[in-house]
Amino acid sequence: MTQAAILPRDWPNRAASRFVRAAGMTWHVQTMGAGPVLLLAHGTGAATHSWRGLAPLLAEHFSVVAPDLPGHGFSPAPPKARLTLPFMARTLAELCNTMAVRPTIVVGHSAGAAILARACLDGLMDPRALVSLNGALLPMFGLPGKIFSPLAKLVIGIPGLANMFLRHTGNRAVVERLLRETGSTIDAAGVDFYARLAANPAHAGAALNMMASWDLPPLGRDLPRLKPKLLLIVGDNDRSIAPADSEKVRDIVPGAALVRLPRLGHLAHEESPEATASLVTAFARTAGVLPA
């Protein structure tokens, strides 16, 4: 079976898909459009389907590069890899080097924004602009911070418990409830793509591995020295990451800008790709990525 054969025939933007060997793994990457290179990084538990509406709109102005991150979607992780923030940042940069692309603007959703910020801070990428879509850029405080990462570490550390946990996450009703709890309402096709991914133990396991390995305090301390111009796009109804977190980031990163999208949740870029694309394109012009 060829690598392309593993892609479902109805996978969004399938014609733009290719497979690239880089950083010790084979990546599923979608490329489309022409112009300055724009790199997309999805969040934990997502894949290229998350950009199904947004990527074609951005491709009207940019050369879009959208990979499935290690262990997610159709990009298997290297054996025994701990999906830490520095690991994800380094391997994503190695993918760009292998593809001979130098992103001028990078756009990340949730954990994807943290990966891109880490890559910029570590000198692995040097874009002019970074767009955070409901970015997970600060440590989770309160009850979520006390539960999610410790729970993920516990599940991974106990033999047999991870398999039981993953069988539960593969239940469509569970996926539907988790999506509702993000504060977003996405279309039925989007729900179906998430459910199909969650039913894949490798994909679900990578999301669990990522949660267990995540360490955001160092990123939070380093953010004030972020070099690219930063735009924070925030869904007012985000129930996964408090909108107030992005306000804190705006206040500590010199020159950062923040735009709030009324009535949209954590998956705002899926709920309204048109509004998101318009904001990204306008910001690219402000940052000198596109002509004014």
Protein backbone atom coordinates (compact mmCIF):
# COMPACT_ATOMS: atom_id res chain seq x y z
CA MET A 1 0.00 0.00 0.00
CA THR A 2 1.38 3.44 -0.91
CA GLN A 3 1.42 6.21 1.66
CA ALA A 4 -1.15 8.16 -0.33
CA ALA A 5 -3.48 5.17 -0.12
CA ILE A 6 -3.87 5.61 3.64
CA LEU A 7 -5.60 8.94 3.08
CA PRO A 8 -9.39 8.59 2.98
CA ARG A 9 -10.81 9.62 -0.38
CA ASP A 10 -12.97 12.26 1.31
CA TRP A 11 -10.12 13.79 3.34
CA PRO A 12 -10.29 17.59 3.03
CA ASN A 13 -7.96 19.09 0.41
CA ARG A 14 -6.64 15.61 -0.40
CA ALA A 15 -5.31 16.74 -3.77
CA ALA A 16 -2.86 19.02 -1.94
CA SER A 17 -1.41 16.16 0.12
CA ARG A 18 2.09 14.74 -0.12
CA PHE A 19 4.42 12.73 2.13
CA VAL A 20 7.84 14.02 3.15
CA ARG A 21 10.60 12.20 5.01
CA ALA A 22 12.22 14.51 7.59
CA ALA A 23 13.45 14.44 11.20
CA GLY A 24 13.31 10.65 11.37
CA MET A 25 9.66 10.34 10.38
CA THR A 26 7.34 10.53 7.39
CA TRP A 27 5.10 13.58 7.46
CA HIS A 28 1.73 14.09 5.82
CA VAL A 29 1.85 17.63 4.45
CA GLN A 30 -0.60 19.67 2.41
CA THR A 31 0.75 22.46 0.18
CA MET A 32 -1.24 24.90 -1.92
CA GLY A 33 -1.20 28.42 -3.31
CA ALA A 34 1.56 30.85 -4.28
CA GLY A 35 3.25 33.79 -2.60
CA PRO A 36 5.04 34.23 0.72
CA VAL A 37 5.31 30.95 2.65
CA LEU A 38 2.72 30.57 5.41
CA LEU A 39 3.13 27.64 7.81
CA LEU A 40 0.09 26.25 9.64
CA ALA A 41 0.42 24.29 12.91
CA HIS A 42 -2.71 22.61 14.27
CA GLY A 43 -3.47 21.90 17.91
CA THR A 44 -3.41 18.77 20.08
CA GLY A 45 -5.63 16.00 18.72
CA ALA A 46 -6.26 17.75 15.40
CA ALA A 47 -4.80 17.33 11.90
CA THR A 48 -4.90 19.03 8.49
CA HIS A 49 -8.70 18.65 8.41
CA SER A 50 -8.77 21.51 10.91
CA TRP A 51 -7.71 23.85 8.09
CA ARG A 52 -10.23 22.51 5.54
CA GLY A 53 -11.96 25.87 5.14
CA LEU A 54 -9.12 28.22 6.04
CA ALA A 55 -6.20 26.85 4.00
CA PRO A 56 -7.78 27.38 0.54
CA LEU A 57 -8.66 30.97 1.47
CA LEU A 58 -5.11 31.66 2.64
CA ALA A 59 -3.77 30.01 -0.53
CA GLU A 60 -5.20 32.94 -2.51
CA HIS A 61 -2.38 35.05 -1.05
CA PHE A 62 0.26 32.64 0.30
CA SER A 63 2.15 29.43 -0.37
CA VAL A 64 0.48 27.42 2.39
CA VAL A 65 2.32 24.55 4.11
CA ALA A 66 0.15 22.53 6.51
CA PRO A 67 1.61 19.36 8.07
CA ASP A 68 0.08 16.81 10.39
CA LEU A 69 2.25 17.15 13.51
CA PRO A 70 4.18 14.11 14.80
CA GLY A 71 1.84 11.29 15.79
CA HIS A 72 -1.22 13.17 14.56
CA GLY A 73 -3.41 12.43 11.59
CA PHE A 74 -1.30 10.63 9.00
CA SER A 75 2.14 11.57 10.38
CA PRO A 76 3.37 8.77 12.65
CA ALA A 77 5.70 9.84 15.45
CA PRO A 78 9.21 8.42 15.70
CA PRO A 79 9.28 5.36 18.02
CA LYS A 80 9.25 6.22 21.73
CA ALA A 81 9.29 9.94 21.02
CA ARG A 82 8.18 12.18 23.88
CA LEU A 83 6.08 14.85 22.24
CA THR A 84 7.51 17.74 24.22
CA LEU A 85 7.27 21.34 23.13
CA PRO A 86 10.99 21.60 22.19
CA PHE A 87 10.78 18.29 20.28
CA MET A 88 7.76 19.43 18.27
CA ALA A 89 9.38 22.80 17.53
CA ARG A 90 12.65 21.22 16.42
CA THR A 91 11.12 18.57 14.19
CA LEU A 92 8.76 21.07 12.56
CA ALA A 93 11.73 23.29 11.74
CA GLU A 94 13.57 20.27 10.31
CA LEU A 95 10.58 19.54 8.09
CA CYS A 96 10.71 23.10 6.73
CA ASN A 97 14.44 22.77 6.09
CA THR A 98 13.96 19.48 4.26
CA MET A 99 11.22 21.01 2.11
CA ALA A 100 13.43 24.07 1.48
CA VAL A 101 10.72 26.45 2.65
CA ARG A 102 11.30 29.47 4.87
CA PRO A 103 8.03 30.63 6.41
CA THR A 104 7.53 34.39 6.38
CA ILE A 105 4.39 34.10 8.48
CA VAL A 106 3.36 31.27 10.81
CA VAL A 107 -0.15 30.56 12.09
CA GLY A 108 -0.83 28.19 14.97
CA HIS A 109 -3.98 27.03 16.70
CA SER A 110 -3.94 26.26 20.44
CA ALA A 111 -0.85 24.10 21.13
CA GLY A 112 0.29 24.78 17.56
CA ALA A 113 0.79 28.44 18.50
CA ALA A 114 3.04 27.36 21.39
CA ILE A 115 5.10 25.15 19.08
CA LEU A 116 5.63 28.01 16.64
CA ALA A 117 6.48 30.48 19.40
CA ARG A 118 9.03 28.02 20.83
CA ALA A 119 10.58 27.53 17.38
CA CYS A 120 10.93 31.30 16.96
CA LEU A 121 12.38 31.80 20.44
CA ASP A 122 14.91 29.00 19.90
CA GLY A 123 16.08 30.48 16.59
CA LEU A 124 14.72 27.55 14.58
CA MET A 125 12.46 29.82 12.50
CA ASP A 126 12.62 33.50 11.69
CA PRO A 127 9.24 34.64 10.34
CA ARG A 128 8.16 38.26 10.26
CA ALA A 129 4.81 37.48 11.81
CA LEU A 130 3.15 34.94 14.10
CA VAL A 131 -0.62 34.51 14.42
CA SER A 132 -1.98 32.73 17.49
CA LEU A 133 -5.49 31.30 17.11
CA ASN A 134 -6.75 30.76 20.67
CA GLY A 135 -3.14 29.95 21.50
CA ALA A 136 -2.10 27.79 24.46
CA LEU A 137 0.83 30.04 25.31
CA LEU A 138 0.61 30.17 29.10
CA PRO A 139 0.42 27.45 31.78
CA MET A 140 -3.09 26.38 32.71
CA PHE A 141 -4.00 27.68 36.14
CA GLY A 142 -6.71 26.59 38.54
CA LEU A 143 -8.44 23.23 38.33
CA PRO A 144 -7.60 22.41 34.65
CA GLY A 145 -3.91 22.92 35.29
CA LYS A 146 -4.03 20.64 38.30
CA ILE A 147 -5.85 17.86 36.45
CA PHE A 148 -5.06 17.52 32.74
CA SER A 149 -1.28 17.09 32.55
CA PRO A 150 -1.03 14.95 35.75
CA LEU A 151 -3.93 12.80 34.52
CA ALA A 152 -2.27 12.28 31.13
CA LYS A 153 1.01 11.31 32.82
CA LEU A 154 -0.84 8.87 35.08
CA VAL A 155 -2.69 7.26 32.17
CA ILE A 156 0.48 6.82 30.12
CA GLY A 157 2.44 5.49 33.09
CA ILE A 158 0.10 2.65 34.06
CA PRO A 159 0.12 -0.40 31.73
CA GLY A 160 -3.31 -1.12 30.31
CA LEU A 161 -4.85 2.14 31.53
CA ALA A 162 -3.85 3.99 28.37
CA ASN A 163 -5.61 1.44 26.15
CA MET A 164 -8.76 1.69 28.24
CA PHE A 165 -8.63 5.49 28.10
CA LEU A 166 -8.11 5.49 24.33
CA ARG A 167 -11.07 3.17 23.76
CA HIS A 168 -13.19 5.69 25.64
CA THR A 169 -11.97 8.68 23.59
CA GLY A 170 -12.78 6.77 20.39
CA ASN A 171 -16.48 6.84 21.30
CA ARG A 172 -18.26 9.27 18.95
CA ALA A 173 -20.56 10.56 21.69
CA VAL A 174 -17.50 11.42 23.77
CA VAL A 175 -15.94 13.26 20.83
CA GLU A 176 -19.13 15.23 20.22
CA ARG A 177 -19.28 16.23 23.89
CA LEU A 178 -15.62 17.27 23.92
CA LEU A 179 -16.13 19.43 20.84
CA ARG A 180 -19.18 21.11 22.39
CA GLU A 181 -17.15 21.85 25.50
CA THR A 182 -14.70 23.91 23.43
CA GLY A 183 -17.44 26.52 23.04
CA SER A 184 -17.53 25.99 19.28
CA THR A 185 -20.21 24.65 16.99
CA ILE A 186 -18.68 23.09 13.89
CA ASP A 187 -20.37 21.37 10.96
CA ALA A 188 -21.24 17.65 10.91
CA ALA A 189 -18.37 16.87 8.54
CA GLY A 190 -15.91 18.43 10.95
CA VAL A 191 -17.29 16.39 13.84
CA ASP A 192 -16.95 13.25 11.73
CA PHE A 193 -13.27 13.94 10.93
CA TYR A 194 -12.46 14.42 14.62
CA ALA A 195 -14.36 11.24 15.52
CA ARG A 196 -12.51 9.20 12.91
CA LEU A 197 -9.16 10.46 14.15
CA ALA A 198 -10.06 9.81 17.78
CA ALA A 199 -10.91 6.21 16.88
CA ASN A 200 -7.31 5.72 15.72
CA PRO A 201 -5.28 4.59 18.78
CA ALA A 202 -2.04 6.01 17.36
CA HIS A 203 -3.53 9.48 16.87
CA ALA A 204 -5.33 9.50 20.22
CA GLY A 205 -2.20 8.18 21.91
CA ALA A 206 -0.13 11.00 20.43
CA ALA A 207 -2.57 13.57 21.79
CA LEU A 208 -2.29 11.94 25.22
CA ASN A 209 1.52 11.82 24.94
CA MET A 210 1.56 15.50 24.01
CA MET A 211 -0.58 16.48 27.01
CA ALA A 212 1.59 14.42 29.35
CA SER A 213 4.82 15.93 27.99
CA TRP A 214 3.73 19.56 27.83
CA ASP A 215 5.65 22.14 29.89
CA LEU A 216 4.54 25.74 29.30
CA PRO A 217 6.14 27.76 32.16
CA PRO A 218 9.47 28.16 30.28
CA LEU A 219 7.60 29.43 27.22
CA GLY A 220 5.65 31.91 29.34
CA ARG A 221 8.90 33.26 30.79
CA ASP A 222 10.47 33.59 27.33
CA LEU A 223 7.57 35.23 25.49
CA PRO A 224 8.65 38.85 26.19
CA ARG A 225 11.65 38.32 23.87
CA LEU A 226 9.55 37.00 20.96
CA LYS A 227 10.81 38.70 17.77
CA PRO A 228 8.04 38.23 15.14
CA LYS A 229 5.12 40.60 15.19
CA LEU A 230 2.36 38.83 17.10
CA LEU A 231 -1.38 38.80 16.46
CA LEU A 232 -3.63 37.03 18.95
CA ILE A 233 -7.02 36.02 17.53
CA VAL A 234 -9.37 34.97 20.30
CA GLY A 235 -12.86 33.45 20.26
CA ASP A 236 -14.92 35.18 22.94
CA ASN A 237 -16.67 31.90 23.72
CA ASP A 238 -13.50 29.79 24.05
CA ARG A 239 -14.08 27.37 26.93
CA SER A 240 -10.79 25.49 26.47
CA ILE A 241 -8.37 28.38 26.97
CA ALA A 242 -9.54 31.48 28.82
CA PRO A 243 -9.60 34.52 26.52
CA ALA A 244 -8.00 36.41 29.39
CA ASP A 245 -4.82 34.37 28.81
CA SER A 246 -4.35 36.03 25.43
CA GLU A 247 -4.81 39.42 27.07
CA LYS A 248 -1.96 38.54 29.43
CA VAL A 249 0.20 37.53 26.48
CA ARG A 250 -0.60 40.79 24.68
CA ASP A 251 0.54 42.70 27.75
CA ILE A 252 3.92 40.94 28.03
CA VAL A 253 4.91 40.73 24.34
CA PRO A 254 6.00 44.13 23.01
CA GLY A 255 3.83 45.33 20.14
CA ALA A 256 1.41 42.39 20.26
CA ALA A 257 -2.12 42.95 18.94
CA LEU A 258 -5.32 41.18 19.95
CA VAL A 259 -8.62 40.73 18.09
CA ARG A 260 -11.65 39.08 19.68
CA LEU A 261 -14.26 37.22 17.64
CA PRO A 262 -17.72 37.44 19.21
CA ARG A 263 -19.73 34.23 19.79
CA LEU A 264 -16.95 31.95 18.51
CA GLY A 265 -15.17 29.29 20.55
CA HIS A 266 -11.86 27.46 20.67
CA LEU A 267 -12.29 26.25 17.07
CA ALA A 268 -13.11 29.73 15.77
CA HIS A 269 -11.02 29.19 12.63
CA GLU A 270 -13.27 26.23 11.74
CA GLU A 271 -16.48 28.05 12.63
CA SER A 272 -15.57 31.13 10.58
CA PRO A 273 -12.63 30.53 8.22
CA GLU A 274 -13.59 33.64 6.25
CA ALA A 275 -13.22 35.98 9.24
CA THR A 276 -9.98 34.28 10.25
CA ALA A 277 -8.49 34.49 6.77
CA SER A 278 -9.39 38.17 6.53
CA LEU A 279 -7.64 38.93 9.83
CA VAL A 280 -4.53 36.93 8.91
CA THR A 281 -4.27 38.59 5.49
CA ALA A 282 -4.74 42.10 6.91
CA PHE A 283 -2.11 41.41 9.58
CA ALA A 284 0.30 40.10 6.94
CA ARG A 285 0.03 43.41 5.14
CA THR A 286 0.64 45.33 8.38
CA ALA A 287 3.69 43.16 9.11
CA GLY A 288 5.15 43.66 5.63
CA VAL A 289 4.61 40.06 4.57
CA LEU A 290 2.19 41.12 1.82
CA PRO A 291 2.17 44.43 -0.06
CA ALA A 292 0.15 47.10 1.71
